[in-house]
PDB file of N, CA and C in Angstrom:
ATOM      1  N   MET A   1     139.399  27.997 -60.785  1.00  0.00           N
ATOM      2  CA  MET A   1     139.715  27.336 -62.038  1.00  0.00           C
ATOM      3  C   MET A   1     138.770  26.159 -62.271  1.00  0.00           C
ATOM      4  N   ILE A   2     138.502  25.414 -61.188  1.00  0.00           N
ATOM      5  CA  ILE A   2     137.606  24.267 -61.315  1.00  0.00           C
ATOM      6  C   ILE A   2     136.217  24.724 -61.736  1.00  0.00           C
ATOM      7  N   CYS A   3     135.731  25.798 -61.133  1.00  0.00           N
ATOM      8  CA  CYS A   3     134.407  26.317 -61.492  1.00  0.00           C
ATOM      9  C   CYS A   3     134.381  26.788 -62.949  1.00  0.00           C
ATOM     10  N   TYR A   4     135.431  27.465 -63.371  1.00  0.00           N
ATOM     11  CA  TYR A   4     135.478  27.942 -64.755  1.00  0.00           C
ATOM     12  C   TYR A   4     135.483  26.777 -65.742  1.00  0.00           C
ATOM     13  N   LEU A   5     136.294  25.782 -65.463  1.00  0.00           N
ATOM     14  CA  LEU A   5     136.357  24.641 -66.382  1.00  0.00           C
ATOM     15  C   LEU A   5     135.052  23.869 -66.433  1.00  0.00           C
ATOM     16  N   SER A   6     134.406  23.706 -65.292  1.00  0.00           N
ATOM     17  CA  SER A   6     133.140  22.975 -65.305  1.00  0.00           C
ATOM     18  C   SER A   6     132.049  23.780 -66.009  1.00  0.00           C
ATOM     19  N   LEU A   7     131.990  25.092 -65.770  1.00  0.00           N
ATOM     20  CA  LEU A   7     131.006  25.914 -66.466  1.00  0.00           C
ATOM     21  C   LEU A   7     131.280  25.978 -67.972  1.00  0.00           C
ATOM     22  N   THR A   8     132.541  26.055 -68.348  1.00  0.00           N
ATOM     23  CA  THR A   8     132.892  26.067 -69.768  1.00  0.00           C
ATOM     24  C   THR A   8     132.538  24.739 -70.428  1.00  0.00           C
ATOM     25  N   GLY A   9     132.762  23.642 -69.730  1.00  0.00           N
ATOM     26  CA  GLY A   9     132.394  22.334 -70.268  1.00  0.00           C
ATOM     27  C   GLY A   9     130.907  22.209 -70.531  1.00  0.00           C
ATOM     28  N   VAL A  10     130.099  22.674 -69.599  1.00  0.00           N
ATOM     29  CA  VAL A  10     128.646  22.649 -69.793  1.00  0.00           C
ATOM     30  C   VAL A  10     128.253  23.560 -70.950  1.00  0.00           C
ATOM     31  N   TYR A  11     128.866  24.735 -71.031  1.00  0.00           N
ATOM     32  CA  TYR A  11     128.584  25.669 -72.121  1.00  0.00           C
ATOM     33  C   TYR A  11     128.916  25.046 -73.485  1.00  0.00           C
ATOM     34  N   VAL A  12     130.080  24.428 -73.579  1.00  0.00           N
ATOM     35  CA  VAL A  12     130.506  23.826 -74.851  1.00  0.00           C
ATOM     36  C   VAL A  12     129.574  22.685 -75.243  1.00  0.00           C
ATOM     37  N   ILE A  13     129.184  21.865 -74.300  1.00  0.00           N
ATOM     38  CA  ILE A  13     128.297  20.738 -74.624  1.00  0.00           C
ATOM     39  C   ILE A  13     126.953  21.242 -75.136  1.00  0.00           C
ATOM     40  N   PHE A  14     126.359  22.208 -74.453  1.00  0.00           N
ATOM     41  CA  PHE A  14     125.063  22.719 -74.905  1.00  0.00           C
ATOM     42  C   PHE A  14     125.165  23.437 -76.240  1.00  0.00           C
ATOM     43  N   ARG A  15     126.207  24.241 -76.414  1.00  0.00           N
ATOM     44  CA  ARG A  15     126.362  24.935 -77.693  1.00  0.00           C
ATOM     45  C   ARG A  15     126.652  23.961 -78.834  1.00  0.00           C
ATOM     46  N   ARG A  16     127.404  22.919 -78.530  1.00  0.00           N
ATOM     47  CA  ARG A  16     127.722  21.921 -79.559  1.00  0.00           C
ATOM     48  C   ARG A  16     126.461  21.198 -80.002  1.00  0.00           C
ATOM     49  N   LEU A  17     125.589  20.885 -79.079  1.00  0.00           N
ATOM     50  CA  LEU A  17     124.338  20.233 -79.438  1.00  0.00           C
ATOM     51  C   LEU A  17     123.444  21.150 -80.265  1.00  0.00           C
ATOM     52  N   GLN A  18     123.473  22.439 -79.984  1.00  0.00           N
ATOM     53  CA  GLN A  18     122.654  23.386 -80.730  1.00  0.00           C
ATOM     54  C   GLN A  18     123.198  23.639 -82.138  1.00  0.00           C
ATOM     55  N   GLN A  19     124.504  23.663 -82.291  1.00  0.00           N
ATOM     56  CA  GLN A  19     125.116  24.036 -83.564  1.00  0.00           C
ATOM     57  C   GLN A  19     125.701  22.843 -84.307  1.00  0.00           C
ATOM     58  N   PHE A  20     125.178  21.671 -84.083  1.00  0.00           N
ATOM     59  CA  PHE A  20     125.742  20.464 -84.687  1.00  0.00           C
ATOM     60  C   PHE A  20     125.727  20.529 -86.204  1.00  0.00           C
ATOM     61  N   ARG A  21     124.628  20.938 -86.792  1.00  0.00           N
ATOM     62  CA  ARG A  21     124.522  20.955 -88.252  1.00  0.00           C
ATOM     63  C   ARG A  21     125.394  22.021 -88.887  1.00  0.00           C
ATOM     64  N   CYS A  22     125.428  23.192 -88.288  1.00  0.00           N
ATOM     65  CA  CYS A  22     126.225  24.284 -88.862  1.00  0.00           C
ATOM     66  C   CYS A  22     127.710  23.934 -88.919  1.00  0.00           C
ATOM     67  N   ILE A  23     128.240  23.429 -87.828  1.00  0.00           N
ATOM     68  CA  ILE A  23     129.664  23.106 -87.793  1.00  0.00           C
ATOM     69  C   ILE A  23     129.956  21.862 -88.624  1.00  0.00           C
ATOM     70  N   SER A  24     129.046  20.930 -88.682  1.00  0.00           N
ATOM     71  CA  SER A  24     129.268  19.726 -89.480  1.00  0.00           C
ATOM     72  C   SER A  24     129.306  20.028 -90.968  1.00  0.00           C
ATOM     73  N   LYS A  25     128.584  21.050 -91.409  1.00  0.00           N
ATOM     74  CA  LYS A  25     128.606  21.426 -92.820  1.00  0.00           C
ATOM     75  C   LYS A  25     129.924  22.079 -93.206  1.00  0.00           C
ATOM     76  N   ILE A  26     130.577  22.746 -92.255  1.00  0.00           N
ATOM     77  CA  ILE A  26     131.814  23.461 -92.551  1.00  0.00           C
ATOM     78  C   ILE A  26     132.952  22.504 -92.844  1.00  0.00           C
ATOM     79  N   ALA A  27     133.101  21.472 -92.042  1.00  0.00           N
ATOM     80  CA  ALA A  27     134.238  20.560 -92.207  1.00  0.00           C
ATOM     81  C   ALA A  27     133.792  19.127 -91.932  1.00  0.00           C
ATOM     82  N   LYS A  28     134.501  18.207 -92.513  1.00  0.00           N
ATOM     83  CA  LYS A  28     134.207  16.781 -92.333  1.00  0.00           C
ATOM     84  C   LYS A  28     135.455  16.072 -91.811  1.00  0.00           C
ATOM     85  N   GLY A  29     135.268  14.982 -91.073  1.00  0.00           N
ATOM     86  CA  GLY A  29     136.361  14.116 -90.650  1.00  0.00           C
ATOM     87  C   GLY A  29     137.282  14.743 -89.624  1.00  0.00           C
ATOM     88  N   VAL A  30     138.591  14.621 -89.878  1.00  0.00           N
ATOM     89  CA  VAL A  30     139.599  15.093 -88.933  1.00  0.00           C
ATOM     90  C   VAL A  30     139.566  16.616 -88.831  1.00  0.00           C
ATOM     91  N   GLN A  31     139.295  17.280 -89.927  1.00  0.00           N
ATOM     92  CA  GLN A  31     139.235  18.744 -89.894  1.00  0.00           C
ATOM     93  C   GLN A  31     138.075  19.240 -89.054  1.00  0.00           C
ATOM     94  N   LEU A  32     137.071  18.405 -88.860  1.00  0.00           N
ATOM     95  CA  LEU A  32     135.950  18.780 -88.014  1.00  0.00           C
ATOM     96  C   LEU A  32     136.426  19.057 -86.590  1.00  0.00           C
ATOM     97  N   LEU A  33     137.343  18.227 -86.093  1.00  0.00           N
ATOM     98  CA  LEU A  33     137.877  18.442 -84.751  1.00  0.00           C
ATOM     99  C   LEU A  33     138.687  19.734 -84.663  1.00  0.00           C
ATOM    100  N   LYS A  34     139.428  20.052 -85.731  1.00  0.00           N
ATOM    101  CA  LYS A  34     140.197  21.299 -85.743  1.00  0.00           C
ATOM    102  C   LYS A  34     139.275  22.516 -85.745  1.00  0.00           C
ATOM    103  N   VAL A  35     138.217  22.443 -86.533  1.00  0.00           N
ATOM    104  CA  VAL A  35     137.269  23.553 -86.602  1.00  0.00           C
ATOM    105  C   VAL A  35     136.569  23.737 -85.260  1.00  0.00           C
ATOM    106  N   ILE A  36     136.146  22.638 -84.657  1.00  0.00           N
ATOM    107  CA  ILE A  36     135.482  22.704 -83.358  1.00  0.00           C
ATOM    108  C   ILE A  36     136.438  23.254 -82.304  1.00  0.00           C
ATOM    109  N   GLY A  37     137.688  22.775 -82.293  1.00  0.00           N
ATOM    110  CA  GLY A  37     138.678  23.256 -81.327  1.00  0.00           C
ATOM    111  C   GLY A  37     138.955  24.737 -81.471  1.00  0.00           C
ATOM    112  N   ALA A  38     139.134  25.194 -82.709  1.00  0.00           N
ATOM    113  CA  ALA A  38     139.402  26.616 -82.939  1.00  0.00           C
ATOM    114  C   ALA A  38     138.201  27.476 -82.565  1.00  0.00           C
ATOM    115  N   TYR A  39     137.012  27.015 -82.921  1.00  0.00           N
ATOM    116  CA  TYR A  39     135.802  27.781 -82.619  1.00  0.00           C
ATOM    117  C   TYR A  39     135.603  27.932 -81.116  1.00  0.00           C
ATOM    118  N   TYR A  40     135.716  26.832 -80.390  1.00  0.00           N
ATOM    119  CA  TYR A  40     135.461  26.892 -78.952  1.00  0.00           C
ATOM    120  C   TYR A  40     136.639  27.465 -78.161  1.00  0.00           C
ATOM    121  N   ALA A  41     137.812  27.531 -78.733  1.00  0.00           N
ATOM    122  CA  ALA A  41     138.921  28.230 -78.078  1.00  0.00           C
ATOM    123  C   ALA A  41     138.594  29.721 -77.989  1.00  0.00           C
ATOM    124  N   TYR A  42     138.082  30.286 -79.075  1.00  0.00           N
ATOM    125  CA  TYR A  42     137.696  31.695 -79.055  1.00  0.00           C
ATOM    126  C   TYR A  42     136.428  31.911 -78.230  1.00  0.00           C
ATOM    127  N   GLN A  43     135.496  30.982 -78.311  1.00  0.00           N
ATOM    128  CA  GLN A  43     134.264  31.107 -77.538  1.00  0.00           C
ATOM    129  C   GLN A  43     134.515  31.009 -76.035  1.00  0.00           C
ATOM    130  N   SER A  44     135.529  30.240 -75.628  1.00  0.00           N
ATOM    131  CA  SER A  44     135.814  30.117 -74.194  1.00  0.00           C
ATOM    132  C   SER A  44     136.337  31.440 -73.629  1.00  0.00           C
ATOM    133  N   ILE A  45     137.067  32.204 -74.432  1.00  0.00           N
ATOM    134  CA  ILE A  45     137.519  33.529 -73.990  1.00  0.00           C
ATOM    135  C   ILE A  45     136.317  34.452 -73.816  1.00  0.00           C
ATOM    136  N   PHE A  46     135.401  34.420 -74.753  1.00  0.00           N
ATOM    137  CA  PHE A  46     134.169  35.206 -74.645  1.00  0.00           C
ATOM    138  C   PHE A  46     133.358  34.764 -73.425  1.00  0.00           C
ATOM    139  N   PHE A  47     133.275  33.455 -73.204  1.00  0.00           N
ATOM    140  CA  PHE A  47     132.526  32.933 -72.065  1.00  0.00           C
ATOM    141  C   PHE A  47     133.182  33.353 -70.751  1.00  0.00           C
ATOM    142  N   PHE A  48     134.497  33.370 -70.698  1.00  0.00           N
ATOM    143  CA  PHE A  48     135.190  33.843 -69.496  1.00  0.00           C
ATOM    144  C   PHE A  48     134.868  35.306 -69.223  1.00  0.00           C
ATOM    145  N   ASP A  49     134.831  36.111 -70.255  1.00  0.00           N
ATOM    146  CA  ASP A  49     134.501  37.521 -70.095  1.00  0.00           C
ATOM    147  C   ASP A  49     133.093  37.681 -69.536  1.00  0.00           C
ATOM    148  N   ARG A  50     132.160  36.895 -70.025  1.00  0.00           N
ATOM    149  CA  ARG A  50     130.774  36.991 -69.581  1.00  0.00           C
ATOM    150  C   ARG A  50     130.552  36.417 -68.185  1.00  0.00           C
ATOM    151  N   SER A  51     131.329  35.418 -67.785  1.00  0.00           N
ATOM    152  CA  SER A  51     131.086  34.728 -66.515  1.00  0.00           C
ATOM    153  C   SER A  51     132.093  35.084 -65.422  1.00  0.00           C
ATOM    154  N   SER A  52     132.971  36.027 -65.653  1.00  0.00           N
ATOM    155  CA  SER A  52     134.005  36.333 -64.660  1.00  0.00           C
ATOM    156  C   SER A  52     133.411  36.869 -63.358  1.00  0.00           C
ATOM    157  N   SER A  53     132.355  37.648 -63.429  1.00  0.00           N
ATOM    158  CA  SER A  53     131.746  38.142 -62.198  1.00  0.00           C
ATOM    159  C   SER A  53     131.129  37.005 -61.390  1.00  0.00           C
ATOM    160  N   LEU A  54     130.526  36.042 -62.064  1.00  0.00           N
ATOM    161  CA  LEU A  54     129.978  34.878 -61.385  1.00  0.00           C
ATOM    162  C   LEU A  54     131.088  34.036 -60.762  1.00  0.00           C
ATOM    163  N   LEU A  55     132.214  33.926 -61.437  1.00  0.00           N
ATOM    164  CA  LEU A  55     133.346  33.166 -60.907  1.00  0.00           C
ATOM    165  C   LEU A  55     133.925  33.819 -59.651  1.00  0.00           C
ATOM    166  N   VAL A  56     133.971  35.133 -59.618  1.00  0.00           N
ATOM    167  CA  VAL A  56     134.459  35.835 -58.432  1.00  0.00           C
ATOM    168  C   VAL A  56     133.509  35.596 -57.263  1.00  0.00           C
ATOM    169  N   LEU A  57     132.221  35.647 -57.518  1.00  0.00           N
ATOM    170  CA  LEU A  57     131.237  35.387 -56.469  1.00  0.00           C
ATOM    171  C   LEU A  57     131.356  33.960 -55.938  1.00  0.00           C
ATOM    172  N   MET A  58     131.511  33.000 -56.830  1.00  0.00           N
ATOM    173  CA  MET A  58     131.641  31.603 -56.411  1.00  0.00           C
ATOM    174  C   MET A  58     132.912  31.384 -55.603  1.00  0.00           C
ATOM    175  N   SER A  59     134.010  31.998 -56.017  1.00  0.00           N
ATOM    176  CA  SER A  59     135.251  31.822 -55.261  1.00  0.00           C
ATOM    177  C   SER A  59     135.159  32.468 -53.885  1.00  0.00           C
ATOM    178  N   ALA A  60     134.483  33.595 -53.783  1.00  0.00           N
ATOM    179  CA  ALA A  60     134.289  34.222 -52.471  1.00  0.00           C
ATOM    180  C   ALA A  60     133.429  33.341 -51.567  1.00  0.00           C
ATOM    181  N   MET A  61     132.397  32.746 -52.125  1.00  0.00           N
ATOM    182  CA  MET A  61     131.537  31.855 -51.323  1.00  0.00           C
ATOM    183  C   MET A  61     132.304  30.625 -50.860  1.00  0.00           C
ATOM    184  N   PHE A  62     133.103  30.034 -51.721  1.00  0.00           N
ATOM    185  CA  PHE A  62     133.899  28.872 -51.328  1.00  0.00           C
ATOM    186  C   PHE A  62     134.926  29.240 -50.252  1.00  0.00           C
ATOM    187  N   THR A  63     135.520  30.434 -50.370  1.00  0.00           N
ATOM    188  CA  THR A  63     136.510  30.868 -49.382  1.00  0.00           C
ATOM    189  C   THR A  63     135.867  31.087 -48.019  1.00  0.00           C
ATOM    190  N   ILE A  64     134.731  31.761 -47.989  1.00  0.00           N
ATOM    191  CA  ILE A  64     134.037  31.992 -46.721  1.00  0.00           C
ATOM    192  C   ILE A  64     133.582  30.672 -46.113  1.00  0.00           C
ATOM    193  N   ALA A  65     133.095  29.747 -46.929  1.00  0.00           N
ATOM    194  CA  ALA A  65     132.672  28.437 -46.408  1.00  0.00           C
ATOM    195  C   ALA A  65     133.865  27.675 -45.839  1.00  0.00           C
ATOM    196  N   TRP A  66     135.014  27.754 -46.507  1.00  0.00           N
ATOM    197  CA  TRP A  66     136.214  27.056 -46.013  1.00  0.00           C
ATOM    198  C   TRP A  66     136.689  27.663 -44.695  1.00  0.00           C
ATOM    199  N   ILE A  67     136.668  28.998 -44.614  1.00  0.00           N
ATOM    200  CA  ILE A  67     137.069  29.665 -43.376  1.00  0.00           C
ATOM    201  C   ILE A  67     136.121  29.300 -42.235  1.00  0.00           C
ATOM    202  N   GLN A  68     134.830  29.269 -42.514  1.00  0.00           N
ATOM    203  CA  GLN A  68     133.847  28.927 -41.500  1.00  0.00           C
ATOM    204  C   GLN A  68     134.009  27.477 -41.031  1.00  0.00           C
ATOM    205  N   ARG A  69     134.272  26.581 -41.953  1.00  0.00           N
ATOM    206  CA  ARG A  69     134.408  25.167 -41.604  1.00  0.00           C
ATOM    207  C   ARG A  69     135.614  24.916 -40.706  1.00  0.00           C
ATOM    208  N   HIS A  70     136.670  25.660 -40.885  1.00  0.00           N
ATOM    209  CA  HIS A  70     137.884  25.461 -40.088  1.00  0.00           C
ATOM    210  C   HIS A  70     137.968  26.415 -38.889  1.00  0.00           C
ATOM    211  N   ASN A  71     136.844  26.990 -38.520  1.00  0.00           N
ATOM    212  CA  ASN A  71     136.727  27.876 -37.360  1.00  0.00           C
ATOM    213  C   ASN A  71     137.670  29.075 -37.401  1.00  0.00           C
ATOM    214  N   GLU A  72     137.999  29.519 -38.567  1.00  0.00           N
ATOM    215  CA  GLU A  72     138.819  30.718 -38.701  1.00  0.00           C
ATOM    216  C   GLU A  72     137.959  31.979 -38.662  1.00  0.00           C
ATOM    217  N   MET A  73     136.689  31.832 -38.961  1.00  0.00           N
ATOM    218  CA  MET A  73     135.793  32.989 -38.952  1.00  0.00           C
ATOM    219  C   MET A  73     135.646  33.547 -37.534  1.00  0.00           C
ATOM    220  N   THR A  74     135.673  32.676 -36.527  1.00  0.00           N
ATOM    221  CA  THR A  74     135.578  33.122 -35.136  1.00  0.00           C
ATOM    222  C   THR A  74     136.754  34.030 -34.789  1.00  0.00           C
ATOM    223  N   ALA A  75     137.936  33.629 -35.182  1.00  0.00           N
ATOM    224  CA  ALA A  75     139.121  34.449 -34.914  1.00  0.00           C
ATOM    225  C   ALA A  75     139.060  35.780 -35.669  1.00  0.00           C
ATOM    226  N   LEU A  76     138.606  35.755 -36.902  1.00  0.00           N
ATOM    227  CA  LEU A  76     138.491  36.996 -37.673  1.00  0.00           C
ATOM    228  C   LEU A  76     137.468  37.942 -37.055  1.00  0.00           C
ATOM    229  N   MET A  77     136.343  37.391 -36.627  1.00  0.00           N
ATOM    230  CA  MET A  77     135.313  38.229 -36.022  1.00  0.00           C
ATOM    231  C   MET A  77     135.773  38.788 -34.674  1.00  0.00           C
ATOM    232  N   ALA A  78     136.502  37.980 -33.883  1.00  0.00           N
ATOM    233  CA  ALA A  78     137.014  38.462 -32.602  1.00  0.00           C
ATOM    234  C   ALA A  78     138.014  39.595 -32.811  1.00  0.00           C
ATOM    235  N   ALA A  79     138.862  39.461 -33.818  1.00  0.00           N
ATOM    236  CA  ALA A  79     139.835  40.517 -34.106  1.00  0.00           C
ATOM    237  C   ALA A  79     139.133  41.782 -34.601  1.00  0.00           C
ATOM    238  N   ALA A  80     138.101  41.612 -35.395  1.00  0.00           N
ATOM    239  CA  ALA A  80     137.384  42.776 -35.904  1.00  0.00           C
ATOM    240  C   ALA A  80     136.643  43.494 -34.788  1.00  0.00           C
ATOM    241  N   PHE A  81     136.007  42.752 -33.888  1.00  0.00           N
ATOM    242  CA  PHE A  81     135.284  43.387 -32.791  1.00  0.00           C
ATOM    243  C   PHE A  81     136.228  44.042 -31.799  1.00  0.00           C
ATOM    244  N   ARG A  82     137.410  43.449 -31.620  1.00  0.00           N
ATOM    245  CA  ARG A  82     138.377  44.035 -30.692  1.00  0.00           C
ATOM    246  C   ARG A  82     138.877  45.381 -31.235  1.00  0.00           C
ATOM    247  N   ASN A  83     139.183  45.427 -32.539  1.00  0.00           N
ATOM    248  CA  ASN A  83     139.657  46.671 -33.136  1.00  0.00           C
ATOM    249  C   ASN A  83     138.540  47.701 -33.238  1.00  0.00           C
ATOM    250  N   PHE A  84     137.331  47.230 -33.431  1.00  0.00           N
ATOM    251  CA  PHE A  84     136.196  48.140 -33.555  1.00  0.00           C
ATOM    252  C   PHE A  84     135.850  48.806 -32.220  1.00  0.00           C
ATOM    253  N   GLY A  85     136.028  48.065 -31.131  1.00  0.00           N
ATOM    254  CA  GLY A  85     135.677  48.573 -29.821  1.00  0.00           C
ATOM    255  C   GLY A  85     136.680  49.581 -29.272  1.00  0.00           C
ATOM    256  N   SER A  86     137.920  49.599 -29.769  1.00  0.00           N
ATOM    257  CA  SER A  86     138.893  50.505 -29.178  1.00  0.00           C
ATOM    258  C   SER A  86     138.946  51.845 -29.828  1.00  0.00           C
TER     259      SER A  86
END
């Protein structure tokens, strides 16, 4: 979730800088925030669809790093080699 939110935040900031004039022409003032919120709510779903494979890879890397740091990988490898040898 943290990775998704941080990637979405970077995506929204860059897209907002690129589309500043287009969105500003559509609405002014308080309605500008509503238009931006509605636009990026739908865009975040599209962004999740496009980045879901990257998010799975990142979560797997974080999980393996956490297991390795807490010496759980040694136990997993010992169990795998024991079952493999019999």
